[in-house]
Amino acid sequence: LFASIAILLDKPFVLGDSIVVGDFNGTVEHIGIKTTRLKSVNGEQLIMGNADLAHSRIRNFKRLQERRSVFTIGVTYQTSREQLERIPLMLKEIIEQTPQVRFDRAHFAKFGDFALQFEAAYFVQHPDYQTFMDAQQAINFELLKRFEREGIAFAYPTQMVLHVPDYEAFVDAS
């Protein structure tokens, strides 16, 4: 009963809000005395005890003003220095030309095991998840197009296998 009163007075969520509690997410359909019901993104009904909700961390996406995205891309070590230096500017241009998106940053972040890694961040200035995914898709397609035009290759996990012609001699020398 105390948990229900706390939820009703504190209003961490209201009917229609899209929330995440632990591994569960959905839209609030009913707030009762003992339980709260969510409709999950897959369509099933999730019933959660209000006492559990009162003691949980709740992420309320309905109250978002904008969504932030951070992504990493990796290019091959064979990429020229001149091409590497152009990538942050390319990322900035691509992100800035995407509708409803605000550029945050783009950097050559680190030398990875099999890739030179760049990190970029931007904000989608609309809370809707569909708009967020449309923006990410537009950025990805434009990035593919620009890299193809510039001759820049995305990296993927690789291994180099060295052949030792006389393995027994190699082992004996050790």
Protein backbone atom coordinates (compact mmCIF):
# COMPACT_ATOMS: atom_id res chain seq x y z
CA LEU A 1 0.00 0.00 0.00
CA PHE A 2 2.84 2.37 0.89
CA ALA A 3 4.53 1.65 -2.47
CA SER A 4 1.29 2.44 -4.35
CA ILE A 5 0.88 5.72 -2.49
CA ALA A 6 4.53 6.59 -3.16
CA ILE A 7 4.08 5.92 -6.90
CA LEU A 8 0.84 7.92 -7.05
CA LEU A 9 2.26 10.89 -5.13
CA ASP A 10 5.83 10.92 -6.50
CA LYS A 11 4.76 10.11 -10.09
CA PRO A 12 7.98 8.57 -11.43
CA PHE A 13 5.70 7.51 -14.31
CA VAL A 14 2.10 7.99 -15.39
CA LEU A 15 -0.22 6.16 -17.76
CA GLY A 16 1.23 6.11 -21.28
CA ASP A 17 4.86 6.57 -20.23
CA SER A 18 7.47 4.30 -21.80
CA ILE A 19 9.64 2.96 -18.97
CA VAL A 20 12.48 0.51 -18.40
CA VAL A 21 12.82 -1.37 -15.12
CA GLY A 22 15.81 -3.72 -15.07
CA ASP A 23 15.54 -5.95 -18.16
CA PHE A 24 11.88 -5.10 -18.74
CA ASN A 25 10.50 -2.25 -20.83
CA GLY A 26 7.07 -1.21 -21.93
CA THR A 27 4.30 1.34 -21.82
CA VAL A 28 2.43 1.90 -18.56
CA GLU A 29 -1.18 0.73 -19.02
CA HIS A 30 -2.49 0.56 -15.45
CA ILE A 31 -1.32 1.65 -12.00
CA GLY A 32 -3.17 -0.27 -9.30
CA ILE A 33 -2.97 -0.57 -5.52
CA LYS A 34 -0.80 -3.69 -5.60
CA THR A 35 0.63 -3.86 -9.15
CA THR A 36 1.44 -1.82 -12.23
CA ARG A 37 0.85 -3.25 -15.70
CA LEU A 38 3.04 -2.54 -18.70
CA LYS A 39 2.57 -3.51 -22.32
CA SER A 40 5.98 -4.65 -23.54
CA VAL A 41 7.40 -3.74 -26.92
CA ASN A 42 6.74 -7.38 -27.93
CA GLY A 43 3.06 -7.03 -26.99
CA GLU A 44 2.87 -9.12 -23.83
CA GLN A 45 1.61 -7.72 -20.57
CA LEU A 46 4.15 -7.28 -17.78
CA ILE A 47 2.79 -7.15 -14.25
CA MET A 48 5.13 -5.67 -11.66
CA GLY A 49 4.61 -5.30 -7.95
CA ASN A 50 4.49 -1.69 -6.81
CA ALA A 51 6.78 -2.55 -3.90
CA ASP A 52 9.36 -3.80 -6.43
CA LEU A 53 8.92 -0.68 -8.55
CA ALA A 54 9.31 1.61 -5.53
CA HIS A 55 12.73 0.03 -4.86
CA SER A 56 13.89 -0.10 -8.49
CA ARG A 57 15.72 2.26 -10.78
CA ILE A 58 13.19 3.36 -13.38
CA ARG A 59 14.18 4.88 -16.70
CA ASN A 60 11.32 6.98 -18.07
CA PHE A 61 11.80 7.58 -21.81
CA LYS A 62 8.55 9.48 -22.24
CA ARG A 63 10.18 12.50 -20.61
CA LEU A 64 13.16 12.62 -22.96
CA GLN A 65 13.79 15.87 -24.79
CA GLU A 66 16.45 14.37 -27.06
CA ARG A 67 18.38 11.10 -27.43
CA ARG A 68 22.16 10.81 -27.36
CA SER A 69 24.03 8.32 -29.50
CA VAL A 70 27.70 7.35 -29.27
CA PHE A 71 29.14 5.02 -31.87
CA THR A 72 32.53 3.59 -32.75
CA ILE A 73 33.86 2.66 -36.15
CA GLY A 74 37.10 0.94 -37.01
CA VAL A 75 39.21 1.34 -40.13
CA THR A 76 42.14 -0.77 -41.28
CA TYR A 77 45.71 -0.05 -40.27
CA GLN A 78 46.49 0.33 -43.99
CA THR A 79 44.48 3.59 -44.05
CA SER A 80 46.77 6.52 -44.90
CA ARG A 81 47.45 9.26 -42.37
CA GLU A 82 45.79 11.80 -44.67
CA GLN A 83 42.62 9.70 -44.84
CA LEU A 84 42.67 9.20 -41.05
CA GLU A 85 42.90 12.95 -40.49
CA ARG A 86 39.81 13.51 -42.71
CA ILE A 87 37.57 10.99 -40.91
CA PRO A 88 36.58 13.19 -37.90
CA LEU A 89 35.60 16.01 -40.27
CA MET A 90 33.69 13.53 -42.47
CA LEU A 91 31.78 12.27 -39.44
CA LYS A 92 30.98 15.84 -38.40
CA GLU A 93 29.71 16.76 -41.89
CA ILE A 94 27.60 13.62 -42.17
CA ILE A 95 26.03 14.08 -38.74
CA GLU A 96 25.38 17.80 -39.23
CA GLN A 97 23.57 17.22 -42.55
CA THR A 98 21.20 14.70 -40.96
CA PRO A 99 17.78 16.22 -40.13
CA GLN A 100 16.85 16.66 -36.45
CA VAL A 101 20.40 15.83 -35.32
CA ARG A 102 22.90 17.92 -33.35
CA PHE A 103 26.59 17.03 -33.64
CA ASP A 104 28.51 16.61 -30.38
CA ARG A 105 32.00 15.28 -31.22
CA ALA A 106 34.15 12.98 -33.40
CA HIS A 107 37.68 11.79 -32.57
CA PHE A 108 40.36 9.28 -33.46
CA ALA A 109 39.90 7.42 -30.19
CA LYS A 110 42.45 4.61 -30.07
CA PHE A 111 44.63 2.00 -31.66
CA GLY A 112 42.62 -1.22 -31.39
CA ASP A 113 43.73 -4.82 -31.78
CA PHE A 114 42.75 -4.94 -35.44
CA ALA A 115 41.43 -1.43 -36.18
CA LEU A 116 42.11 2.26 -35.82
CA GLN A 117 39.02 3.31 -33.90
CA PHE A 118 37.02 6.52 -34.15
CA GLU A 119 34.26 7.57 -31.79
CA ALA A 120 31.46 10.00 -32.61
CA ALA A 121 28.55 11.34 -30.57
CA TYR A 122 25.40 13.19 -31.55
CA PHE A 123 21.95 14.08 -30.21
CA VAL A 124 18.69 13.35 -32.01
CA GLN A 125 16.50 16.32 -31.17
CA HIS A 126 13.31 14.31 -30.93
CA PRO A 127 12.59 11.68 -28.26
CA ASP A 128 10.84 9.24 -30.59
CA TYR A 129 12.80 5.99 -31.05
CA GLN A 130 11.76 5.72 -34.72
CA THR A 131 13.27 9.15 -35.42
CA PHE A 132 16.41 8.11 -33.53
CA MET A 133 16.82 4.94 -35.64
CA ASP A 134 16.05 6.81 -38.90
CA ALA A 135 18.84 9.27 -38.08
CA GLN A 136 21.30 6.51 -37.23
CA GLN A 137 20.46 4.67 -40.46
CA ALA A 138 20.92 7.84 -42.55
CA ILE A 139 24.30 8.47 -40.91
CA ASN A 140 25.41 4.86 -41.50
CA PHE A 141 24.40 4.87 -45.19
CA GLU A 142 26.13 8.20 -45.81
CA LEU A 143 29.23 6.97 -43.99
CA LEU A 144 29.32 3.86 -46.21
CA LYS A 145 29.00 6.05 -49.30
CA ARG A 146 31.74 8.47 -48.21
CA PHE A 147 34.16 5.72 -47.22
CA GLU A 148 33.58 3.95 -50.54
CA ARG A 149 34.26 7.19 -52.42
CA GLU A 150 37.40 7.92 -50.35
CA GLY A 151 38.73 4.35 -50.59
CA ILE A 152 38.62 3.85 -46.81
CA ALA A 153 38.07 0.27 -45.64
CA PHE A 154 36.23 -0.72 -42.48
CA ALA A 155 38.21 -3.08 -40.30
CA TYR A 156 37.11 -6.48 -39.13
CA PRO A 157 38.83 -9.04 -36.89
CA THR A 158 41.82 -10.59 -38.62
CA GLN A 159 44.69 -12.85 -37.68
CA MET A 160 48.05 -13.33 -39.28
CA VAL A 161 49.35 -16.89 -39.33
CA LEU A 162 53.10 -17.22 -39.65
CA HIS A 163 54.50 -20.37 -41.19
CA VAL A 164 57.65 -21.69 -39.52
CA PRO A 165 59.33 -23.88 -42.18
CA ASP A 166 61.20 -26.17 -39.78
CA TYR A 167 59.09 -26.33 -36.62
CA GLU A 168 61.26 -28.97 -34.86
CA ALA A 169 64.40 -26.86 -35.36
CA PHE A 170 62.52 -23.84 -34.08
CA VAL A 171 61.38 -25.70 -30.93
CA ASP A 172 64.84 -27.20 -30.32
CA ALA A 173 66.41 -23.72 -30.56
CA SER A 174 64.07 -22.47 -27.83
